[in-house]
Amino acid sequence: MRPDALVTVGSTTMSHNFAEATSVQRSISQSESGGIVYDGMVYEGWDILGNTNGGYLMAMAARAMADAAGRPPMTVTAHYLSPGAVGPHIVEVTEVRAGRRFATMTGAVINVETGREVIRVLGTFGHHDTDAVERLDGAPPSIPAYDDCPVDVNGDDPDAQPVPELQQRLSVRLAPGSVGFRSGKPRGVAEVSGWFDFADGQKIDEYGLILASDSFPPAVFNSGLPVSWVPTVELTVHLRGLPVPGPLAVVFRTRFVSGGVLEEDGEVWDSAGHLVAQSRQLALTPRPS
């Protein structure tokens, strides 16, 4: 194992950085429908209360789909069908259409041990037009500097909400106005903002952007609703460009909670102030435990 594959958090050493933990290898076999099959592995430590993070699973699928398309992801949508578990998985990739500029692919992530499909993904792959007109009616979130926000890890308060295992691999730093829910004092506004980076300093690429879009506490936690499991039904991530080196400034907001579901809209900005990703998630409303 290479030295850079080791991440030390406190007294715990964890293997496999994000790139390795979401890597896939093209198999010599084909799916029954004639698609390309990729072998992958879901590793420990990328979960929330034992359920593998949805952004992690989407990134694994996107890697396989991008390899088959021969182009990077631009927009990826995943529907979550069953809980992710540690162990071997395959990604079955099928080309829907490939044109001169874009290729549209589907991907199915399947648990090898159970045979169950975990997520079904649809994505468009291609290159951005760097010479196109640019207009932004928005700006990065107004939050303190990266070094002025504490890392979101478990503290000394025994009554505080625990931080998921996933966060031990990340350097997620919540803005001061976003941490109240952990001690039972939510702000009253369904918004969470802060900074995202990898704990091992790994460079953030388009797959890291996918993970960043699903690595923060749900914005609804700060609204005053119960702090409990918020299962994702569907997640879409738009990749707007590669970030410059450094942590990402992110903000997530929920405006509508009805019918047992909620939406969460996210913005991801790099340290130079460029919008590099947007996300929208449909999830189940948290219920009292």
Protein backbone atom coordinates (compact mmCIF):
# COMPACT_ATOMS: atom_id res chain seq x y z
CA MET A 1 0.00 0.00 0.00
CA ARG A 2 1.38 3.43 -0.90
CA PRO A 3 2.05 5.89 1.96
CA ASP A 4 -0.36 8.45 0.48
CA ALA A 5 -3.17 5.90 0.82
CA LEU A 6 -3.06 6.25 4.59
CA VAL A 7 -5.07 8.88 6.45
CA THR A 8 -4.51 9.38 10.16
CA VAL A 9 -7.34 10.94 12.18
CA GLY A 10 -6.62 11.08 15.90
CA SER A 11 -5.20 7.66 16.72
CA THR A 12 -6.98 5.90 13.85
CA THR A 13 -5.27 5.12 10.54
CA MET A 14 -7.59 4.51 7.59
CA SER A 15 -6.59 3.02 4.24
CA HIS A 16 -7.75 3.93 0.74
CA ASN A 17 -8.10 7.57 -0.19
CA PHE A 18 -11.18 8.71 -2.11
CA ALA A 19 -9.74 8.12 -5.58
CA GLU A 20 -8.77 4.56 -4.68
CA ALA A 21 -11.97 3.86 -2.76
CA THR A 22 -14.12 4.79 -5.78
CA SER A 23 -11.89 3.28 -8.46
CA VAL A 24 -13.28 0.76 -10.95
CA GLN A 25 -11.72 -1.68 -13.39
CA ARG A 26 -13.24 -2.72 -16.70
CA SER A 27 -14.20 -6.40 -16.66
CA ILE A 28 -13.78 -8.83 -19.53
CA SER A 29 -17.44 -9.82 -19.18
CA GLN A 30 -20.50 -8.02 -20.55
CA SER A 31 -23.90 -7.47 -19.01
CA GLU A 32 -26.87 -9.44 -20.33
CA SER A 33 -27.96 -6.32 -22.23
CA GLY A 34 -24.55 -5.97 -23.87
CA GLY A 35 -23.30 -3.15 -21.65
CA ILE A 36 -19.80 -2.79 -20.23
CA VAL A 37 -19.19 -4.18 -16.74
CA TYR A 38 -16.82 -2.58 -14.24
CA ASP A 39 -15.60 -4.13 -10.99
CA GLY A 40 -15.46 -1.97 -7.86
CA MET A 41 -15.37 -2.18 -4.10
CA VAL A 42 -17.30 -0.22 -1.48
CA TYR A 43 -14.95 0.36 1.43
CA GLU A 44 -15.53 0.98 5.11
CA GLY A 45 -15.46 4.49 6.47
CA TRP A 46 -17.47 6.17 3.70
CA ASP A 47 -20.80 5.74 5.45
CA ILE A 48 -23.37 7.53 7.59
CA LEU A 49 -24.61 5.32 10.41
CA GLY A 50 -23.67 2.22 8.45
CA ASN A 51 -25.19 3.32 5.12
CA THR A 52 -22.68 4.11 2.38
CA ASN A 53 -22.79 7.78 1.39
CA GLY A 54 -24.85 8.47 -1.72
CA GLY A 55 -22.29 10.82 -3.23
CA TYR A 56 -19.61 8.16 -2.82
CA LEU A 57 -21.74 5.61 -4.71
CA MET A 58 -22.56 8.15 -7.42
CA ALA A 59 -18.87 8.98 -7.86
CA MET A 60 -18.05 5.29 -8.32
CA ALA A 61 -20.75 4.98 -10.98
CA ALA A 62 -19.65 8.21 -12.68
CA ARG A 63 -16.06 6.95 -12.96
CA ALA A 64 -17.21 3.84 -14.81
CA MET A 65 -19.60 5.80 -17.04
CA ALA A 66 -16.94 8.41 -17.86
CA ASP A 67 -14.47 5.68 -18.81
CA ALA A 68 -17.01 4.09 -21.14
CA ALA A 69 -17.95 7.49 -22.62
CA GLY A 70 -14.35 8.66 -22.96
CA ARG A 71 -15.40 12.06 -21.56
CA PRO A 72 -15.79 13.64 -18.13
CA PRO A 73 -19.19 14.00 -16.41
CA MET A 74 -21.25 17.16 -16.86
CA THR A 75 -24.50 16.16 -15.15
CA VAL A 76 -25.30 12.99 -13.23
CA THR A 77 -28.59 11.89 -11.67
CA ALA A 78 -28.91 8.92 -9.32
CA HIS A 79 -32.00 7.18 -7.98
CA TYR A 80 -31.34 5.25 -4.78
CA LEU A 81 -32.91 1.80 -4.71
CA SER A 82 -31.40 -0.01 -1.72
CA PRO A 83 -28.90 0.75 1.07
CA GLY A 84 -25.22 0.67 0.14
CA ALA A 85 -23.09 -1.87 2.01
CA VAL A 86 -19.39 -2.62 2.26
CA GLY A 87 -18.18 -5.23 -0.22
CA PRO A 88 -17.67 -5.96 -3.93
CA HIS A 89 -19.93 -4.24 -6.44
CA ILE A 90 -20.18 -4.01 -10.20
CA VAL A 91 -21.24 -1.09 -12.38
CA GLU A 92 -23.09 -2.04 -15.54
CA VAL A 93 -22.74 0.80 -18.06
CA THR A 94 -24.88 1.20 -21.17
CA GLU A 95 -24.49 3.85 -23.84
CA VAL A 96 -27.77 5.62 -24.64
CA ARG A 97 -26.38 7.91 -27.30
CA ALA A 98 -22.99 9.32 -28.25
CA GLY A 99 -22.75 12.47 -30.36
CA ARG A 100 -19.94 14.78 -31.35
CA ARG A 101 -20.10 16.84 -28.16
CA PHE A 102 -22.01 14.79 -25.57
CA ALA A 103 -22.47 11.14 -24.66
CA THR A 104 -25.40 9.97 -22.55
CA MET A 105 -24.90 6.86 -20.44
CA THR A 106 -26.74 4.83 -17.83
CA GLY A 107 -25.10 2.97 -14.99
CA ALA A 108 -26.37 0.41 -12.49
CA VAL A 109 -24.40 -0.20 -9.29
CA ILE A 110 -25.08 -3.75 -8.11
CA ASN A 111 -24.04 -5.46 -4.88
CA VAL A 112 -22.24 -8.65 -5.94
CA GLU A 113 -23.02 -10.56 -2.73
CA THR A 114 -26.78 -9.90 -2.72
CA GLY A 115 -27.41 -9.27 -6.43
CA ARG A 116 -29.44 -6.17 -5.49
CA GLU A 117 -29.20 -2.98 -7.49
CA VAL A 118 -28.14 -0.15 -5.18
CA ILE A 119 -28.46 2.90 -7.44
CA ARG A 120 -29.44 3.59 -11.05
CA VAL A 121 -27.64 6.51 -12.68
CA LEU A 122 -28.22 8.57 -15.83
CA GLY A 123 -25.55 11.02 -16.94
CA THR A 124 -24.35 13.26 -19.74
CA PHE A 125 -20.62 13.38 -20.40
CA GLY A 126 -18.66 15.95 -22.37
CA HIS A 127 -16.44 19.01 -22.21
CA HIS A 128 -17.44 22.55 -21.22
CA ASP A 129 -17.16 25.38 -23.72
CA THR A 130 -14.54 27.60 -22.09
CA ASP A 131 -15.17 30.39 -24.62
CA ALA A 132 -18.91 30.68 -23.91
CA VAL A 133 -20.61 33.74 -22.39
CA GLU A 134 -20.53 33.83 -18.59
CA ARG A 135 -23.06 35.55 -16.34
CA LEU A 136 -23.53 34.86 -12.65
CA ASP A 137 -26.49 36.18 -10.66
CA GLY A 138 -25.07 34.80 -7.44
CA ALA A 139 -21.97 34.70 -5.27
CA PRO A 140 -20.16 32.35 -2.89
CA PRO A 141 -21.74 32.01 0.58
CA SER A 142 -20.74 34.63 3.12
CA ILE A 143 -18.90 32.53 5.70
CA PRO A 144 -15.78 32.97 7.84
CA ALA A 145 -12.42 31.97 6.41
CA TYR A 146 -11.53 28.27 6.28
CA ASP A 147 -9.08 28.52 9.18
CA ASP A 148 -11.67 30.32 11.31
CA CYS A 149 -14.21 27.48 11.10
CA PRO A 150 -13.62 24.42 13.30
CA VAL A 151 -13.48 20.94 11.79
CA ASP A 152 -16.84 19.18 12.16
CA VAL A 153 -15.84 16.33 14.49
CA ASN A 154 -17.23 14.89 17.70
CA GLY A 155 -16.69 17.18 20.66
CA ASP A 156 -16.91 16.74 24.43
CA ASP A 157 -20.67 17.28 24.76
CA PRO A 158 -22.19 13.82 25.42
CA ASP A 159 -25.65 15.11 24.39
CA ALA A 160 -24.50 16.52 21.04
CA GLN A 161 -25.48 14.86 17.78
CA PRO A 162 -22.69 12.46 16.67
CA VAL A 163 -20.65 13.16 13.56
CA PRO A 164 -20.88 10.37 10.93
CA GLU A 165 -17.90 8.12 10.18
CA LEU A 166 -17.65 9.70 6.73
CA GLN A 167 -16.54 13.00 8.26
CA GLN A 168 -13.42 11.39 9.70
CA ARG A 169 -12.08 11.19 6.13
CA LEU A 170 -13.02 14.76 5.29
CA SER A 171 -12.22 18.23 6.50
CA VAL A 172 -15.77 19.59 6.68
CA ARG A 173 -15.90 22.90 8.54
CA LEU A 174 -19.34 24.25 9.31
CA ALA A 175 -19.97 27.99 9.52
CA PRO A 176 -20.81 29.15 13.06
CA GLY A 177 -24.46 29.70 12.14
CA SER A 178 -24.80 26.11 10.91
CA VAL A 179 -23.77 24.08 13.97
CA GLY A 180 -26.64 24.81 16.39
CA PHE A 181 -28.55 21.61 15.62
CA ARG A 182 -25.74 19.48 17.06
CA SER A 183 -26.45 20.84 20.56
CA GLY A 184 -30.23 21.07 20.15
CA LYS A 185 -30.21 24.77 19.25
CA PRO A 186 -31.07 24.99 15.55
CA ARG A 187 -30.93 28.38 13.90
CA GLY A 188 -34.53 28.13 12.66
CA VAL A 189 -33.52 28.44 8.99
CA ALA A 190 -33.05 25.36 6.79
CA GLU A 191 -29.55 26.23 5.65
CA VAL A 192 -26.10 24.73 6.16
CA SER A 193 -22.87 26.29 4.89
CA GLY A 194 -19.17 25.78 5.37
CA TRP A 195 -16.01 24.42 3.79
CA PHE A 196 -15.20 21.04 2.22
CA ASP A 197 -11.82 19.39 1.74
CA PHE A 198 -10.25 15.95 2.06
CA ALA A 199 -8.54 15.23 5.37
CA ASP A 200 -5.51 13.85 3.52
CA GLY A 201 -5.19 16.90 1.28
CA GLN A 202 -6.12 14.98 -1.88
CA LYS A 203 -6.83 17.25 -4.85
CA ILE A 204 -10.55 17.70 -5.53
CA ASP A 205 -11.58 16.70 -9.06
CA GLU A 206 -15.01 16.28 -10.64
CA TYR A 207 -15.63 13.14 -8.58
CA GLY A 208 -14.67 14.96 -5.41
CA LEU A 209 -17.25 17.59 -6.37
CA ILE A 210 -19.89 14.85 -6.50
CA LEU A 211 -18.93 13.77 -2.98
CA ALA A 212 -18.93 17.38 -1.74
CA SER A 213 -22.51 17.73 -2.96
CA ASP A 214 -23.65 15.05 -0.49
CA SER A 215 -21.29 15.35 2.48
CA PHE A 216 -22.85 17.98 4.73
CA PRO A 217 -25.55 17.63 7.39
CA PRO A 218 -29.01 18.10 5.84
CA ALA A 219 -30.00 21.77 5.77
CA VAL A 220 -33.38 20.85 7.28
CA PHE A 221 -31.64 20.00 10.59
CA ASN A 222 -31.30 23.73 11.26
CA SER A 223 -35.02 24.34 10.67
CA GLY A 224 -36.10 22.80 13.95
CA LEU A 225 -37.39 19.53 12.50
CA PRO A 226 -36.14 16.29 14.12
CA VAL A 227 -32.49 15.42 13.62
CA SER A 228 -32.78 11.90 12.27
CA TRP A 229 -32.22 9.85 9.14
CA VAL A 230 -32.96 11.71 5.86
CA PRO A 231 -32.82 9.02 3.13
CA THR A 232 -32.04 10.26 -0.37
CA VAL A 233 -34.56 9.38 -3.06
CA GLU A 234 -32.84 11.13 -5.96
CA LEU A 235 -29.70 13.27 -6.30
CA THR A 236 -28.62 15.35 -9.29
CA VAL A 237 -25.21 17.02 -9.55
CA HIS A 238 -24.27 19.50 -12.28
CA LEU A 239 -20.51 19.80 -12.80
CA ARG A 240 -19.76 23.38 -13.85
CA GLY A 241 -15.96 23.21 -13.98
CA LEU A 242 -12.87 21.90 -12.22
CA PRO A 243 -11.95 23.75 -9.01
CA VAL A 244 -8.63 25.44 -8.38
CA PRO A 245 -6.59 23.84 -5.57
CA GLY A 246 -7.93 24.49 -2.09
CA PRO A 247 -11.07 23.94 -0.01
CA LEU A 248 -14.55 24.45 -1.41
CA ALA A 249 -17.14 26.88 -0.03
CA VAL A 250 -20.57 25.24 -0.01
CA VAL A 251 -24.13 26.11 0.96
CA PHE A 252 -27.26 23.95 1.03
CA ARG A 253 -30.82 25.21 1.44
CA THR A 254 -34.26 23.62 1.81
CA ARG A 255 -37.36 25.69 1.08
CA PHE A 256 -40.18 23.18 0.75
CA VAL A 257 -41.09 20.31 3.06
CA SER A 258 -44.38 18.62 2.15
CA GLY A 259 -45.91 15.26 1.42
CA GLY A 260 -43.22 13.47 3.39
CA VAL A 261 -40.37 14.71 1.17
CA LEU A 262 -38.09 17.73 0.94
CA GLU A 263 -35.74 19.23 -1.61
CA GLU A 264 -32.23 20.47 -0.90
CA ASP A 265 -30.43 22.81 -3.30
CA GLY A 266 -26.65 23.09 -3.12
CA GLU A 267 -23.96 25.37 -4.49
CA VAL A 268 -20.24 24.51 -4.51
CA TRP A 269 -17.66 27.27 -5.09
CA ASP A 270 -13.90 26.97 -5.32
CA SER A 271 -11.42 29.14 -3.44
CA ALA A 272 -11.14 31.53 -6.41
CA GLY A 273 -14.88 32.25 -6.34
CA HIS A 274 -15.84 30.06 -9.30
CA LEU A 275 -19.10 28.11 -9.23
CA VAL A 276 -17.93 24.52 -9.83
CA ALA A 277 -21.01 22.44 -9.00
CA GLN A 278 -24.71 22.64 -8.22
CA SER A 279 -26.92 19.95 -6.75
CA ARG A 280 -30.54 19.19 -6.05
CA GLN A 281 -31.67 16.35 -3.86
CA LEU A 282 -35.08 14.87 -3.10
CA ALA A 283 -35.16 13.15 0.29
CA LEU A 284 -37.58 11.84 2.87
CA THR A 285 -38.56 14.17 5.68
CA PRO A 286 -36.85 13.31 8.99
CA ARG A 287 -39.12 11.79 11.61
CA PRO A 288 -38.81 11.64 15.39
CA SER A 289 -36.71 8.65 16.40
